[in-house]
Amino acid sequence: MADGDQTQNTGYVGGFSFGPQPTGGFAAQPQPVTPPPAQPVQPAPQPMPQPVYQQPAAPMPQAPMAPAAPMGGMGDPYGDQGAAAQPPFDPNYVFGARMANFTTTIVLPAHSLSFDENRFINLLAGSISLTKDEKRKIIDSVPKLRQEQVDELIRIFDEERAKFVELSPKHGAQLKKLEDEHAADWKDLEMAYKAEHQGAQDQNKADEIRKQLGL
């Protein structure tokens, strides 16, 4: 009984309790939540500035040096005689003047027309507007031409020569060069006709010999 009385006097109950406790065992005490430390805001990375490479300035071209004038007898192999080596142009040149004494071995084929054959050939040979082949075609076609056609050709050749005579003072050098070229072409025509004529004669002689031999 003493023990029971002692228990009642002290007010002791099982367990460690120092105040009113909730029923149903021990209750967990809430722990305070500590927030994580704030992270510092990092600024957005800025692009690295690219280095600017300056292009080297192009060098200025050097001005060409003017060639020194050659001294007579040293730099120029002809010295002061270079210009004199070329024959000067004749200031008295007249187009067609050389045709005054023109002669040729070319003979027109037989025809029934009425015109001055020598004058016709003279005008044809002195023309610088026709080629060598065109002149030959005209010669070969004379037997087939009509009278008015021949007269028209003579008129055209006369007008051509008169016009170039007027141009002689201003274009004498060019006209003389053309006359020289066409004179050479006419010489070629003469040689061609001569060769053909000689070949025809040789063929006729050969035919005569065959007839005499009874071949």
Protein backbone atom coordinates (compact mmCIF):
# COMPACT_ATOMS: atom_id res chain seq x y z
CA MET A 1 0.00 0.00 0.00
CA ALA A 2 2.85 2.21 0.65
CA ASP A 3 3.98 1.94 -2.87
CA GLY A 4 0.52 2.76 -4.13
CA ASP A 5 0.29 5.70 -1.90
CA GLN A 6 3.62 6.91 -2.99
CA THR A 7 2.53 6.75 -6.56
CA GLN A 8 -0.55 8.75 -5.94
CA ASN A 9 1.35 11.37 -3.98
CA THR A 10 3.97 12.00 -6.59
CA GLY A 11 1.62 11.97 -9.59
CA TYR A 12 4.10 9.87 -11.61
CA VAL A 13 2.86 8.04 -14.66
CA GLY A 14 4.84 5.83 -17.08
CA GLY A 15 7.11 7.62 -19.53
CA PHE A 16 8.72 10.99 -19.52
CA SER A 17 6.07 13.63 -19.65
CA PHE A 18 6.35 17.15 -18.41
CA GLY A 19 3.10 18.49 -19.60
CA PRO A 20 -0.06 17.53 -21.28
CA GLN A 21 0.63 15.12 -24.15
CA PRO A 22 -1.62 14.33 -27.03
CA THR A 23 -3.06 10.93 -27.18
CA GLY A 24 -1.74 8.33 -29.58
CA GLY A 25 1.96 8.35 -28.77
CA PHE A 26 4.70 10.82 -29.50
CA ALA A 27 3.97 13.53 -32.14
CA ALA A 28 6.79 14.76 -34.41
CA GLN A 29 7.60 18.37 -34.01
CA PRO A 30 7.73 20.36 -37.34
CA GLN A 31 11.20 21.45 -38.25
CA PRO A 32 11.69 24.95 -39.71
CA VAL A 33 12.53 24.89 -43.46
CA THR A 34 15.59 26.87 -44.31
CA PRO A 35 15.43 28.24 -47.91
CA PRO A 36 18.53 27.66 -50.06
CA PRO A 37 20.76 30.63 -50.51
CA ALA A 38 19.83 32.72 -53.55
CA GLN A 39 22.15 32.22 -56.51
CA PRO A 40 23.55 35.42 -57.98
CA VAL A 41 22.13 36.25 -61.43
CA GLN A 42 24.83 35.85 -64.04
CA PRO A 43 24.68 38.42 -66.91
CA ALA A 44 24.23 37.05 -70.42
CA PRO A 45 27.59 36.44 -72.08
CA GLN A 46 28.49 39.13 -74.54
CA PRO A 47 30.09 38.14 -77.90
CA MET A 48 33.77 38.67 -78.05
CA PRO A 49 34.65 41.58 -80.33
CA GLN A 50 36.30 40.33 -83.49
CA PRO A 51 39.61 41.94 -84.37
CA VAL A 52 39.46 44.14 -87.43
CA TYR A 53 42.28 43.44 -89.83
CA GLN A 54 43.11 46.41 -91.97
CA GLN A 55 43.89 45.54 -95.57
CA PRO A 56 47.25 46.84 -96.64
CA ALA A 57 46.94 49.65 -99.13
CA ALA A 58 47.81 48.66 -102.69
CA PRO A 59 51.07 50.17 -103.80
CA MET A 60 50.73 52.95 -106.28
CA PRO A 61 51.96 51.95 -109.75
CA GLN A 62 55.10 53.56 -110.86
CA ALA A 63 54.72 55.96 -113.75
CA PRO A 64 56.53 54.60 -116.82
CA MET A 65 59.68 56.35 -117.66
CA ALA A 66 59.65 58.09 -120.99
CA PRO A 67 62.18 56.46 -123.33
CA ALA A 68 65.11 58.61 -124.03
CA ALA A 69 65.31 59.87 -127.56
CA PRO A 70 68.03 57.98 -129.44
CA MET A 71 70.99 60.02 -130.41
CA GLY A 72 71.91 60.12 -134.05
CA GLY A 73 74.41 57.42 -134.91
CA MET A 74 74.12 55.68 -131.48
CA GLY A 75 70.66 54.51 -130.31
CA ASP A 76 69.09 54.58 -133.81
CA PRO A 77 71.02 52.33 -136.22
CA TYR A 78 70.06 54.66 -139.04
CA GLY A 79 70.69 57.86 -137.12
CA ASP A 80 69.03 60.88 -138.70
CA GLN A 81 68.79 59.07 -142.03
CA GLY A 82 65.80 56.84 -140.98
CA ALA A 83 63.20 59.13 -142.47
CA ALA A 84 65.28 59.79 -145.56
CA ALA A 85 65.51 56.02 -146.25
CA GLN A 86 61.84 55.97 -147.32
CA PRO A 87 61.16 57.42 -150.75
CA PRO A 88 58.97 60.53 -150.51
CA PHE A 89 55.53 60.51 -152.10
CA ASP A 90 55.28 62.25 -155.47
CA PRO A 91 53.04 65.34 -154.97
CA ASN A 92 52.43 65.43 -158.74
CA TYR A 93 50.88 61.95 -158.79
CA VAL A 94 47.65 61.63 -160.81
CA PHE A 95 45.57 58.48 -160.84
CA GLY A 96 45.64 56.64 -164.19
CA ALA A 97 48.51 58.69 -165.64
CA ARG A 98 50.56 55.51 -166.13
CA MET A 99 47.86 54.13 -168.47
CA ALA A 100 48.81 56.69 -171.14
CA ASN A 101 51.67 54.42 -172.27
CA PHE A 102 49.92 51.15 -171.43
CA THR A 103 50.52 48.13 -173.67
CA THR A 104 49.39 44.56 -173.18
CA THR A 105 49.61 41.15 -174.82
CA ILE A 106 45.96 40.33 -174.06
CA VAL A 107 43.69 40.35 -177.10
CA LEU A 108 39.90 40.28 -176.91
CA PRO A 109 38.22 37.24 -178.44
CA ALA A 110 36.45 37.60 -181.77
CA HIS A 111 33.12 39.44 -181.61
CA SER A 112 30.62 41.35 -183.74
CA LEU A 113 30.41 44.51 -181.62
CA SER A 114 31.50 48.05 -182.51
CA PHE A 115 33.81 49.73 -179.99
CA ASP A 116 37.43 50.75 -179.49
CA GLU A 117 39.06 47.55 -178.25
CA ASN A 118 42.31 49.23 -177.13
CA ARG A 119 40.45 51.82 -175.08
CA PHE A 120 38.22 49.15 -173.59
CA ILE A 121 41.20 47.04 -172.48
CA ASN A 122 42.99 50.15 -171.17
CA LEU A 123 40.03 51.11 -168.98
CA LEU A 124 39.51 47.53 -167.82
CA ALA A 125 43.16 47.01 -166.89
CA GLY A 126 43.32 50.33 -165.01
CA SER A 127 40.19 49.69 -162.95
CA ILE A 128 40.80 49.21 -159.23
CA SER A 129 37.20 48.28 -158.40
CA LEU A 130 37.34 44.85 -160.07
CA THR A 131 39.31 41.79 -159.03
CA LYS A 132 41.60 39.83 -161.33
CA ASP A 133 39.00 37.08 -161.77
CA GLU A 134 36.24 39.59 -162.57
CA LYS A 135 38.37 41.21 -165.24
CA ARG A 136 39.03 37.84 -166.85
CA LYS A 137 35.30 37.00 -166.90
CA ILE A 138 34.57 40.27 -168.71
CA ILE A 139 37.25 39.53 -171.32
CA ASP A 140 35.99 36.01 -171.94
CA SER A 141 32.35 37.13 -172.11
CA VAL A 142 32.84 39.87 -174.73
CA PRO A 143 31.53 37.69 -177.61
CA LYS A 144 28.31 37.12 -175.64
CA LEU A 145 27.70 40.78 -174.68
CA ARG A 146 25.23 43.08 -176.38
CA GLN A 147 26.27 46.45 -177.75
CA GLU A 148 24.51 48.39 -174.98
CA GLN A 149 26.26 46.30 -172.37
CA VAL A 150 29.69 47.10 -173.74
CA ASP A 151 28.80 50.79 -174.03
CA GLU A 152 27.63 50.78 -170.39
CA LEU A 153 30.87 49.16 -169.22
CA ILE A 154 32.93 51.81 -171.00
CA ARG A 155 30.85 54.57 -169.41
CA ILE A 156 31.29 53.09 -165.91
CA PHE A 157 35.04 52.72 -166.35
CA ASP A 158 35.33 56.33 -167.57
CA GLU A 159 33.43 57.67 -164.54
CA GLU A 160 35.51 55.59 -162.15
CA ARG A 161 38.79 56.89 -163.53
CA ALA A 162 37.58 60.51 -163.50
CA LYS A 163 36.48 60.23 -159.87
CA PHE A 164 39.79 58.78 -158.70
CA VAL A 165 41.67 61.50 -160.57
CA GLU A 166 39.82 64.06 -158.43
CA LEU A 167 40.82 62.19 -155.27
CA SER A 168 44.50 62.03 -156.21
CA PRO A 169 45.62 65.15 -154.24
CA LYS A 170 44.16 63.85 -150.93
CA HIS A 171 44.52 60.07 -151.32
CA GLY A 172 47.40 59.77 -153.73
CA ALA A 173 49.44 57.34 -151.62
CA GLN A 174 46.55 54.88 -151.22
CA LEU A 175 45.53 55.14 -154.86
CA LYS A 176 49.07 54.55 -156.07
CA LYS A 177 49.33 51.46 -153.90
CA LEU A 178 46.09 50.10 -155.36
CA GLU A 179 47.28 50.84 -158.89
CA ASP A 180 50.50 48.93 -158.24
CA GLU A 181 48.56 45.92 -156.92
CA HIS A 182 46.18 45.83 -159.90
CA ALA A 183 49.06 46.28 -162.33
CA ALA A 184 50.66 43.16 -160.85
CA ASP A 185 47.34 41.30 -161.18
CA TRP A 186 47.13 42.27 -164.86
CA LYS A 187 50.63 40.88 -165.41
CA ASP A 188 49.41 37.60 -163.94
CA LEU A 189 46.50 37.61 -166.39
CA GLU A 190 48.87 38.19 -169.28
CA MET A 191 51.01 35.23 -168.23
CA ALA A 192 47.94 33.02 -167.82
CA TYR A 193 46.58 33.88 -171.27
CA LYS A 194 50.03 33.43 -172.81
CA ALA A 195 50.39 30.00 -171.24
CA GLU A 196 46.95 28.97 -172.47
CA HIS A 197 47.66 30.30 -175.95
CA GLN A 198 50.97 28.47 -176.07
CA GLY A 199 49.28 25.29 -174.92
CA ALA A 200 46.65 25.63 -177.65
CA GLN A 201 49.33 26.13 -180.30
CA ASP A 202 51.21 23.07 -179.10
CA GLN A 203 48.02 21.04 -179.23
CA ASN A 204 47.31 22.19 -182.80
CA LYS A 205 50.81 21.24 -183.90
CA ALA A 206 50.44 17.84 -182.32
CA ASP A 207 47.14 17.33 -184.14
CA GLU A 208 48.76 18.28 -187.48
CA ILE A 209 51.55 15.78 -186.96
CA ARG A 210 49.05 13.01 -186.18
CA LYS A 211 47.12 13.78 -189.35
CA GLN A 212 50.28 13.65 -191.45
CA LEU A 213 51.20 10.31 -189.91
CA GLY A 214 47.69 9.00 -190.45
CA LEU A 215 47.11 8.45 -186.74
